[in-house]
Amino acid sequence: MSQEILNVEKLCVSIADKEILKGLDLKMGEGETHVIMGPNGAGKSTLGNTLMGKEEYEVTSGKITFSGEDLLEMSTSERAKKGLFMTFQNPIEVPGVRLSEFVRSSCEALGNKMSLWNFKKAAAEQMKVIGMDPSYLDRELNVGFSGGEKKKAEIFQLLMLKPKLAILDETDSGLDVDAVRIVSEGVKAYQEQNNGALLIITHSTRILESLNVDKVHVLYNGKIVAEGDGSLIDEINENGFEKFMKD
């Protein structure tokens, strides 16, 4: 059994005094792939944003440990330095900051300093995995990028930063079949290169088709209401979430 990397216990989270997560429990081991599924509004993105420490998500009770340390005592930047990473449904544009500058400075903040030549060499290798042209390094971060290009840029960051745990929040949202395939290849490369853990938050299953999933969790009304292996994905594809949507 792999060593535990994440332990969420009885987590309650509110946004603007509205309780969203209501006693959620979740455990993950190093290198494992876990999937959080559920209907819209179930609290899936709230979980991801809470793990990353977004300020508007107020933890009212519960405990989160990451690699044995109290995650709730860390700032967002401290969590990133410890090895947490998250992709977003709608990556923001950052005018005036080139993709290369952003990723290289992020690598340095994690203690991975590289000469410009070594950085560009490593970047070109990882961009090849996801079919991303190295010319994007000189473009401003996400400015003028299509939806698929923004997702590729996030997966490129994932491959370069090599986190212990990557949280993918609806990474396949709005992507066509080819873009989903390319993103999946990048995610698989992250797993193979780093034995990284994955927490995939989704209500779709397209990105899961080529990945080895260790455990599936169904989230509804702020709680995990069902758990299983990859066969649970097939059941949800066939019958939806209705059987789980009972208070």
C-alpha atoms as a PDB file:
ATOM      1  CA  MET A   1       0.000   0.000   0.000  1.00  0.00           C
ATOM      2  CA  SER A   2       1.333   3.442  -0.911  1.00  0.00           C
ATOM      3  CA  GLN A   3       2.198   5.977   1.748  1.00  0.00           C
ATOM      4  CA  GLU A   4      -0.581   8.410   2.594  1.00  0.00           C
ATOM      5  CA  ILE A   5      -0.202  11.857   1.004  1.00  0.00           C
ATOM      6  CA  LEU A   6      -3.598  13.476   1.723  1.00  0.00           C
ATOM      7  CA  ASN A   7      -6.033  12.980   4.585  1.00  0.00           C
ATOM      8  CA  VAL A   8      -9.220  15.033   4.785  1.00  0.00           C
ATOM      9  CA  GLU A   9     -11.294  14.457   7.909  1.00  0.00           C
ATOM     10  CA  LYS A  10     -14.825  15.696   8.587  1.00  0.00           C
ATOM     11  CA  LEU A  11     -14.235  18.825   6.503  1.00  0.00           C
ATOM     12  CA  CYS A  12     -16.897  21.537   6.640  1.00  0.00           C
ATOM     13  CA  VAL A  13     -16.513  24.563   4.363  1.00  0.00           C
ATOM     14  CA  SER A  14     -18.661  27.653   3.878  1.00  0.00           C
ATOM     15  CA  ILE A  15     -18.732  30.416   1.291  1.00  0.00           C
ATOM     16  CA  ALA A  16     -20.365  33.698   2.360  1.00  0.00           C
ATOM     17  CA  ASP A  17     -21.941  31.890   5.338  1.00  0.00           C
ATOM     18  CA  LYS A  18     -23.437  29.168   3.133  1.00  0.00           C
ATOM     19  CA  GLU A  19     -22.228  25.681   4.047  1.00  0.00           C
ATOM     20  CA  ILE A  20     -21.034  23.779   0.967  1.00  0.00           C
ATOM     21  CA  LEU A  21     -18.979  20.865   2.317  1.00  0.00           C
ATOM     22  CA  LYS A  22     -20.635  19.072   5.216  1.00  0.00           C
ATOM     23  CA  GLY A  23     -18.256  16.642   6.882  1.00  0.00           C
ATOM     24  CA  LEU A  24     -16.253  15.344   3.922  1.00  0.00           C
ATOM     25  CA  ASP A  25     -13.700  12.534   4.387  1.00  0.00           C
ATOM     26  CA  LEU A  26     -11.049  11.618   1.818  1.00  0.00           C
ATOM     27  CA  LYS A  27      -7.741   9.732   1.899  1.00  0.00           C
ATOM     28  CA  MET A  28      -5.150   9.406  -0.887  1.00  0.00           C
ATOM     29  CA  GLY A  29      -1.834   7.610  -1.207  1.00  0.00           C
ATOM     30  CA  GLU A  30       1.280   8.668  -3.108  1.00  0.00           C
ATOM     31  CA  GLY A  31       1.020   8.082  -6.851  1.00  0.00           C
ATOM     32  CA  GLU A  32      -2.687   7.243  -6.719  1.00  0.00           C
ATOM     33  CA  THR A  33      -5.354   8.584  -9.063  1.00  0.00           C
ATOM     34  CA  HIS A  34      -8.637   9.478  -7.399  1.00  0.00           C
ATOM     35  CA  VAL A  35     -11.697  10.896  -9.126  1.00  0.00           C
ATOM     36  CA  ILE A  36     -14.325  13.145  -7.567  1.00  0.00           C
ATOM     37  CA  MET A  37     -17.581  12.982  -9.524  1.00  0.00           C
ATOM     38  CA  GLY A  38     -20.992  14.444  -8.891  1.00  0.00           C
ATOM     39  CA  PRO A  39     -23.662  16.727 -10.323  1.00  0.00           C
ATOM     40  CA  ASN A  40     -23.157  20.462 -10.685  1.00  0.00           C
ATOM     41  CA  GLY A  41     -23.313  22.238  -7.329  1.00  0.00           C
ATOM     42  CA  ALA A  42     -22.283  19.184  -5.323  1.00  0.00           C
ATOM     43  CA  GLY A  43     -19.173  20.906  -3.930  1.00  0.00           C
ATOM     44  CA  LYS A  44     -16.474  19.449  -6.197  1.00  0.00           C
ATOM     45  CA  SER A  45     -14.690  22.705  -7.043  1.00  0.00           C
ATOM     46  CA  THR A  46     -15.120  23.879  -3.450  1.00  0.00           C
ATOM     47  CA  LEU A  47     -13.032  20.913  -2.346  1.00  0.00           C
ATOM     48  CA  GLY A  48     -10.241  21.725  -4.809  1.00  0.00           C
ATOM     49  CA  ASN A  49     -10.180  25.416  -3.960  1.00  0.00           C
ATOM     50  CA  THR A  50     -10.178  24.660  -0.234  1.00  0.00           C
ATOM     51  CA  LEU A  51      -7.201  22.331  -0.612  1.00  0.00           C
ATOM     52  CA  MET A  52      -5.311  25.122  -2.393  1.00  0.00           C
ATOM     53  CA  GLY A  53      -6.258  27.657   0.299  1.00  0.00           C
ATOM     54  CA  LYS A  54      -8.427  30.124  -1.619  1.00  0.00           C
ATOM     55  CA  GLU A  55      -9.412  32.817   0.863  1.00  0.00           C
ATOM     56  CA  GLU A  56     -13.161  32.963   0.272  1.00  0.00           C
ATOM     57  CA  TYR A  57     -13.521  29.296   1.249  1.00  0.00           C
ATOM     58  CA  GLU A  58     -13.883  29.253   5.034  1.00  0.00           C
ATOM     59  CA  VAL A  59     -13.065  25.998   6.806  1.00  0.00           C
ATOM     60  CA  THR A  60     -15.454  25.922   9.777  1.00  0.00           C
ATOM     61  CA  SER A  61     -14.364  22.535  11.086  1.00  0.00           C
ATOM     62  CA  GLY A  62     -12.359  19.485  10.146  1.00  0.00           C
ATOM     63  CA  LYS A  63      -8.737  18.643   9.422  1.00  0.00           C
ATOM     64  CA  ILE A  64      -6.502  18.319   6.348  1.00  0.00           C
ATOM     65  CA  THR A  65      -3.006  16.858   6.407  1.00  0.00           C
ATOM     66  CA  PHE A  66      -0.682  16.780   3.394  1.00  0.00           C
ATOM     67  CA  SER A  67       2.399  14.557   3.633  1.00  0.00           C
ATOM     68  CA  GLY A  68       1.742  14.464   7.386  1.00  0.00           C
ATOM     69  CA  GLU A  69       1.652  18.264   7.810  1.00  0.00           C
ATOM     70  CA  ASP A  70      -1.307  20.477   8.751  1.00  0.00           C
ATOM     71  CA  LEU A  71      -2.393  21.992   5.441  1.00  0.00           C
ATOM     72  CA  LEU A  72      -4.779  24.465   7.052  1.00  0.00           C
ATOM     73  CA  GLU A  73      -1.851  26.253   8.714  1.00  0.00           C
ATOM     74  CA  MET A  74      -0.229  26.994   5.333  1.00  0.00           C
ATOM     75  CA  SER A  75      -0.742  29.872   2.907  1.00  0.00           C
ATOM     76  CA  THR A  76      -1.504  29.124  -0.747  1.00  0.00           C
ATOM     77  CA  SER A  77       2.131  29.742  -1.724  1.00  0.00           C
ATOM     78  CA  GLU A  78       3.349  27.455   1.068  1.00  0.00           C
ATOM     79  CA  ARG A  79       1.016  24.719  -0.150  1.00  0.00           C
ATOM     80  CA  ALA A  80       2.419  25.075  -3.675  1.00  0.00           C
ATOM     81  CA  LYS A  81       5.984  24.851  -2.356  1.00  0.00           C
ATOM     82  CA  LYS A  82       5.069  21.674  -0.469  1.00  0.00           C
ATOM     83  CA  GLY A  83       3.946  20.082  -3.735  1.00  0.00           C
ATOM     84  CA  LEU A  84       0.291  20.985  -4.367  1.00  0.00           C
ATOM     85  CA  PHE A  85      -0.805  22.088  -7.850  1.00  0.00           C
ATOM     86  CA  MET A  86      -4.208  22.885  -9.310  1.00  0.00           C
ATOM     87  CA  THR A  87      -5.571  23.490 -12.789  1.00  0.00           C
ATOM     88  CA  PHE A  88      -8.687  25.603 -13.242  1.00  0.00           C
ATOM     89  CA  GLN A  89     -11.850  25.475 -15.329  1.00  0.00           C
ATOM     90  CA  ASN A  90     -11.128  28.941 -16.724  1.00  0.00           C
ATOM     91  CA  PRO A  91      -7.388  29.820 -16.582  1.00  0.00           C
ATOM     92  CA  ILE A  92      -6.881  33.577 -16.361  1.00  0.00           C
ATOM     93  CA  GLU A  93      -4.906  35.740 -18.776  1.00  0.00           C
ATOM     94  CA  VAL A  94      -1.823  37.497 -17.394  1.00  0.00           C
ATOM     95  CA  PRO A  95      -0.837  40.339 -19.735  1.00  0.00           C
ATOM     96  CA  GLY A  96       2.810  41.407 -19.606  1.00  0.00           C
ATOM     97  CA  VAL A  97       4.130  38.089 -18.260  1.00  0.00           C
ATOM     98  CA  ARG A  98       5.494  35.581 -20.745  1.00  0.00           C
ATOM     99  CA  LEU A  99       4.763  31.888 -20.274  1.00  0.00           C
ATOM    100  CA  SER A 100       8.505  31.201 -20.018  1.00  0.00           C
ATOM    101  CA  GLU A 101       8.965  33.826 -17.290  1.00  0.00           C
ATOM    102  CA  PHE A 102       6.032  32.520 -15.280  1.00  0.00           C
ATOM    103  CA  VAL A 103       7.070  28.857 -15.419  1.00  0.00           C
ATOM    104  CA  ARG A 104      10.785  29.469 -14.897  1.00  0.00           C
ATOM    105  CA  SER A 105      10.168  31.679 -11.851  1.00  0.00           C
ATOM    106  CA  SER A 106       7.751  29.065 -10.485  1.00  0.00           C
ATOM    107  CA  CYS A 107      10.402  26.363 -10.891  1.00  0.00           C
ATOM    108  CA  GLU A 108      12.929  28.558  -9.074  1.00  0.00           C
ATOM    109  CA  ALA A 109      10.466  29.199  -6.237  1.00  0.00           C
ATOM    110  CA  LEU A 110      10.321  25.421  -5.780  1.00  0.00           C
ATOM    111  CA  GLY A 111      14.109  25.240  -5.580  1.00  0.00           C
ATOM    112  CA  ASN A 112      14.680  24.048  -9.142  1.00  0.00           C
ATOM    113  CA  LYS A 113      16.973  26.700 -10.592  1.00  0.00           C
ATOM    114  CA  MET A 114      18.016  26.228 -14.217  1.00  0.00           C
ATOM    115  CA  SER A 115      20.083  28.206 -16.678  1.00  0.00           C
ATOM    116  CA  LEU A 116      18.024  29.702 -19.484  1.00  0.00           C
ATOM    117  CA  TRP A 117      19.469  27.134 -21.915  1.00  0.00           C
ATOM    118  CA  ASN A 118      18.593  24.190 -19.642  1.00  0.00           C
ATOM    119  CA  PHE A 119      15.128  25.598 -19.007  1.00  0.00           C
ATOM    120  CA  LYS A 120      14.376  25.956 -22.719  1.00  0.00           C
ATOM    121  CA  LYS A 121      15.676  22.437 -23.375  1.00  0.00           C
ATOM    122  CA  ALA A 122      13.487  20.941 -20.615  1.00  0.00           C
ATOM    123  CA  ALA A 123      10.522  23.042 -21.735  1.00  0.00           C
ATOM    124  CA  ALA A 124      10.846  21.887 -25.356  1.00  0.00           C
ATOM    125  CA  GLU A 125      10.901  18.240 -24.232  1.00  0.00           C
ATOM    126  CA  GLN A 126       7.730  18.609 -22.172  1.00  0.00           C
ATOM    127  CA  MET A 127       5.962  20.684 -24.829  1.00  0.00           C
ATOM    128  CA  LYS A 128       6.596  17.884 -27.303  1.00  0.00           C
ATOM    129  CA  VAL A 129       4.631  15.506 -25.061  1.00  0.00           C
ATOM    130  CA  ILE A 130       1.498  17.631 -25.450  1.00  0.00           C
ATOM    131  CA  GLY A 131       2.071  18.869 -28.996  1.00  0.00           C
ATOM    132  CA  MET A 132       2.677  22.467 -27.930  1.00  0.00           C
ATOM    133  CA  ASP A 133       4.911  24.658 -30.097  1.00  0.00           C
ATOM    134  CA  PRO A 134       7.912  26.116 -28.189  1.00  0.00           C
ATOM    135  CA  SER A 135       7.039  29.542 -29.626  1.00  0.00           C
ATOM    136  CA  TYR A 136       4.351  29.744 -26.953  1.00  0.00           C
ATOM    137  CA  LEU A 137       7.109  30.314 -24.397  1.00  0.00           C
ATOM    138  CA  ASP A 138       7.476  33.861 -25.722  1.00  0.00           C
ATOM    139  CA  ARG A 139       3.741  34.626 -25.594  1.00  0.00           C
ATOM    140  CA  GLU A 140       2.032  36.349 -22.674  1.00  0.00           C
ATOM    141  CA  LEU A 141       0.463  33.841 -20.316  1.00  0.00           C
ATOM    142  CA  ASN A 142      -2.891  32.715 -21.768  1.00  0.00           C
ATOM    143  CA  VAL A 143      -3.354  36.021 -23.645  1.00  0.00           C
ATOM    144  CA  GLY A 144      -5.107  35.223 -26.911  1.00  0.00           C
ATOM    145  CA  PHE A 145      -4.948  31.490 -26.187  1.00  0.00           C
ATOM    146  CA  SER A 146      -7.869  29.296 -27.203  1.00  0.00           C
ATOM    147  CA  GLY A 147      -9.514  27.143 -24.557  1.00  0.00           C
ATOM    148  CA  GLY A 148      -7.475  24.142 -25.640  1.00  0.00           C
ATOM    149  CA  GLU A 149      -4.237  26.159 -25.650  1.00  0.00           C
ATOM    150  CA  LYS A 150      -4.903  27.375 -22.104  1.00  0.00           C
ATOM    151  CA  LYS A 151      -5.375  23.796 -20.921  1.00  0.00           C
ATOM    152  CA  LYS A 152      -2.186  22.730 -22.708  1.00  0.00           C
ATOM    153  CA  ALA A 153      -0.333  25.577 -20.969  1.00  0.00           C
ATOM    154  CA  GLU A 154      -1.569  24.297 -17.602  1.00  0.00           C
ATOM    155  CA  ILE A 155      -0.489  20.725 -18.358  1.00  0.00           C
ATOM    156  CA  PHE A 156       2.891  22.092 -19.483  1.00  0.00           C
ATOM    157  CA  GLN A 157       3.210  23.775 -16.065  1.00  0.00           C
ATOM    158  CA  LEU A 158       2.257  20.484 -14.405  1.00  0.00           C
ATOM    159  CA  LEU A 159       5.026  18.657 -16.278  1.00  0.00           C
ATOM    160  CA  MET A 160       7.632  21.295 -15.460  1.00  0.00           C
ATOM    161  CA  LEU A 161       6.751  21.844 -11.781  1.00  0.00           C
ATOM    162  CA  LYS A 162       6.422  18.122 -10.918  1.00  0.00           C
ATOM    163  CA  PRO A 163       4.101  18.458  -7.884  1.00  0.00           C
ATOM    164  CA  LYS A 164       3.404  15.651  -5.420  1.00  0.00           C
ATOM    165  CA  LEU A 165      -0.354  16.070  -5.895  1.00  0.00           C
ATOM    166  CA  ALA A 166      -2.116  17.629  -8.867  1.00  0.00           C
ATOM    167  CA  ILE A 167      -5.749  18.688  -8.565  1.00  0.00           C
ATOM    168  CA  LEU A 168      -7.421  18.862 -11.982  1.00  0.00           C
ATOM    169  CA  ASP A 169     -10.666  20.829 -11.838  1.00  0.00           C
ATOM    170  CA  GLU A 170     -12.803  20.095 -14.922  1.00  0.00           C
ATOM    171  CA  THR A 171      -9.669  20.050 -17.098  1.00  0.00           C
ATOM    172  CA  ASP A 172     -11.594  18.538 -20.018  1.00  0.00           C
ATOM    173  CA  SER A 173     -14.383  21.143 -19.848  1.00  0.00           C
ATOM    174  CA  GLY A 174     -15.087  22.713 -23.247  1.00  0.00           C
ATOM    175  CA  LEU A 175     -12.421  20.708 -25.096  1.00  0.00           C
ATOM    176  CA  ASP A 176     -12.917  18.774 -28.303  1.00  0.00           C
ATOM    177  CA  VAL A 177     -11.972  15.100 -28.597  1.00  0.00           C
ATOM    178  CA  ASP A 178      -8.455  15.755 -29.909  1.00  0.00           C
ATOM    179  CA  ALA A 179      -7.695  18.295 -27.169  1.00  0.00           C
ATOM    180  CA  VAL A 180      -8.906  15.891 -24.472  1.00  0.00           C
ATOM    181  CA  ARG A 181      -6.634  13.185 -25.890  1.00  0.00           C
ATOM    182  CA  ILE A 182      -3.614  15.517 -25.838  1.00  0.00           C
ATOM    183  CA  VAL A 183      -4.320  16.676 -22.285  1.00  0.00           C
ATOM    184  CA  SER A 184      -4.693  13.027 -21.216  1.00  0.00           C
ATOM    185  CA  GLU A 185      -1.281  12.236 -22.716  1.00  0.00           C
ATOM    186  CA  GLY A 186       0.243  15.041 -20.648  1.00  0.00           C
ATOM    187  CA  VAL A 187      -1.438  13.829 -17.475  1.00  0.00           C
ATOM    188  CA  LYS A 188      -0.176  10.284 -18.092  1.00  0.00           C
ATOM    189  CA  ALA A 189       3.337  11.630 -18.655  1.00  0.00           C
ATOM    190  CA  TYR A 190       3.146  13.473 -15.314  1.00  0.00           C
ATOM    191  CA  GLN A 191       2.230  10.216 -13.580  1.00  0.00           C
ATOM    192  CA  GLU A 192       4.937   8.207 -15.310  1.00  0.00           C
ATOM    193  CA  GLN A 193       7.705  10.775 -14.833  1.00  0.00           C
ATOM    194  CA  ASN A 194       7.005  11.682 -11.218  1.00  0.00           C
ATOM    195  CA  ASN A 195       4.750   8.998  -9.699  1.00  0.00           C
ATOM    196  CA  GLY A 196       2.551  11.978  -8.909  1.00  0.00           C
ATOM    197  CA  ALA A 197      -0.847  11.681  -7.264  1.00  0.00           C
ATOM    198  CA  LEU A 198      -3.911  12.961  -9.108  1.00  0.00           C
ATOM    199  CA  LEU A 199      -7.223  14.231  -7.781  1.00  0.00           C
ATOM    200  CA  ILE A 200      -9.450  14.663 -10.824  1.00  0.00           C
ATOM    201  CA  ILE A 201     -12.613  16.695 -10.273  1.00  0.00           C
ATOM    202  CA  THR A 202     -15.143  16.179 -13.048  1.00  0.00           C
ATOM    203  CA  HIS A 203     -18.742  15.479 -13.971  1.00  0.00           C
ATOM    204  CA  SER A 204     -17.621  14.101 -17.337  1.00  0.00           C
ATOM    205  CA  THR A 205     -15.549  10.981 -17.952  1.00  0.00           C
ATOM    206  CA  ARG A 206     -13.726  11.730 -21.220  1.00  0.00           C
ATOM    207  CA  ILE A 207     -10.369  12.494 -19.609  1.00  0.00           C
ATOM    208  CA  LEU A 208     -10.591   9.283 -17.563  1.00  0.00           C
ATOM    209  CA  GLU A 209     -10.818   6.893 -20.506  1.00  0.00           C
ATOM    210  CA  SER A 210      -7.039   6.478 -20.915  1.00  0.00           C
ATOM    211  CA  LEU A 211      -6.045   6.774 -17.245  1.00  0.00           C
ATOM    212  CA  ASN A 212      -5.696   4.103 -14.570  1.00  0.00           C
ATOM    213  CA  VAL A 213      -8.082   5.130 -11.806  1.00  0.00           C
ATOM    214  CA  ASP A 214      -7.531   3.787  -8.283  1.00  0.00           C
ATOM    215  CA  LYS A 215     -10.682   5.095  -6.633  1.00  0.00           C
ATOM    216  CA  VAL A 216     -13.856   6.975  -7.550  1.00  0.00           C
ATOM    217  CA  HIS A 217     -15.747   9.123  -5.038  1.00  0.00           C
ATOM    218  CA  VAL A 218     -19.265  10.419  -5.664  1.00  0.00           C
ATOM    219  CA  LEU A 219     -19.854  13.808  -4.049  1.00  0.00           C
ATOM    220  CA  TYR A 220     -23.374  15.031  -3.441  1.00  0.00           C
ATOM    221  CA  ASN A 221     -24.718  17.730  -1.157  1.00  0.00           C
ATOM    222  CA  GLY A 222     -21.306  18.332   0.397  1.00  0.00           C
ATOM    223  CA  LYS A 223     -20.484  14.737   1.319  1.00  0.00           C
ATOM    224  CA  ILE A 224     -18.955  11.623  -0.238  1.00  0.00           C
ATOM    225  CA  VAL A 225     -21.991   9.391  -0.685  1.00  0.00           C
ATOM    226  CA  ALA A 226     -20.422   6.490  -2.601  1.00  0.00           C
ATOM    227  CA  GLU A 227     -16.951   5.099  -3.362  1.00  0.00           C
ATOM    228  CA  GLY A 228     -15.624   2.412  -5.651  1.00  0.00           C
ATOM    229  CA  ASP A 229     -13.113   1.443  -8.286  1.00  0.00           C
ATOM    230  CA  GLY A 230     -13.153   2.352 -11.980  1.00  0.00           C
ATOM    231  CA  SER A 231     -16.298   0.294 -12.560  1.00  0.00           C
ATOM    232  CA  LEU A 232     -18.239   3.019 -10.753  1.00  0.00           C
ATOM    233  CA  ILE A 233     -17.450   5.338 -13.681  1.00  0.00           C
ATOM    234  CA  ASP A 234     -19.190   2.915 -16.056  1.00  0.00           C
ATOM    235  CA  GLU A 235     -22.213   2.797 -13.781  1.00  0.00           C
ATOM    236  CA  ILE A 236     -22.425   6.591 -13.696  1.00  0.00           C
ATOM    237  CA  ASN A 237     -22.055   6.780 -17.484  1.00  0.00           C
ATOM    238  CA  GLU A 238     -24.968   4.380 -17.869  1.00  0.00           C
ATOM    239  CA  ASN A 239     -27.312   5.581 -15.132  1.00  0.00           C
ATOM    240  CA  GLY A 240     -26.189   9.048 -14.082  1.00  0.00           C
ATOM    241  CA  PHE A 241     -26.116  10.311 -10.498  1.00  0.00           C
ATOM    242  CA  GLU A 242     -29.799   9.934  -9.633  1.00  0.00           C
ATOM    243  CA  LYS A 243     -29.392   6.886  -7.374  1.00  0.00           C
ATOM    244  CA  PHE A 244     -26.860   8.821  -5.241  1.00  0.00           C
ATOM    245  CA  MET A 245     -28.909  12.016  -4.943  1.00  0.00           C
ATOM    246  CA  LYS A 246     -30.784  11.099  -1.774  1.00  0.00           C
ATOM    247  CA  ASP A 247     -30.484  13.042   1.486  1.00  0.00           C
END
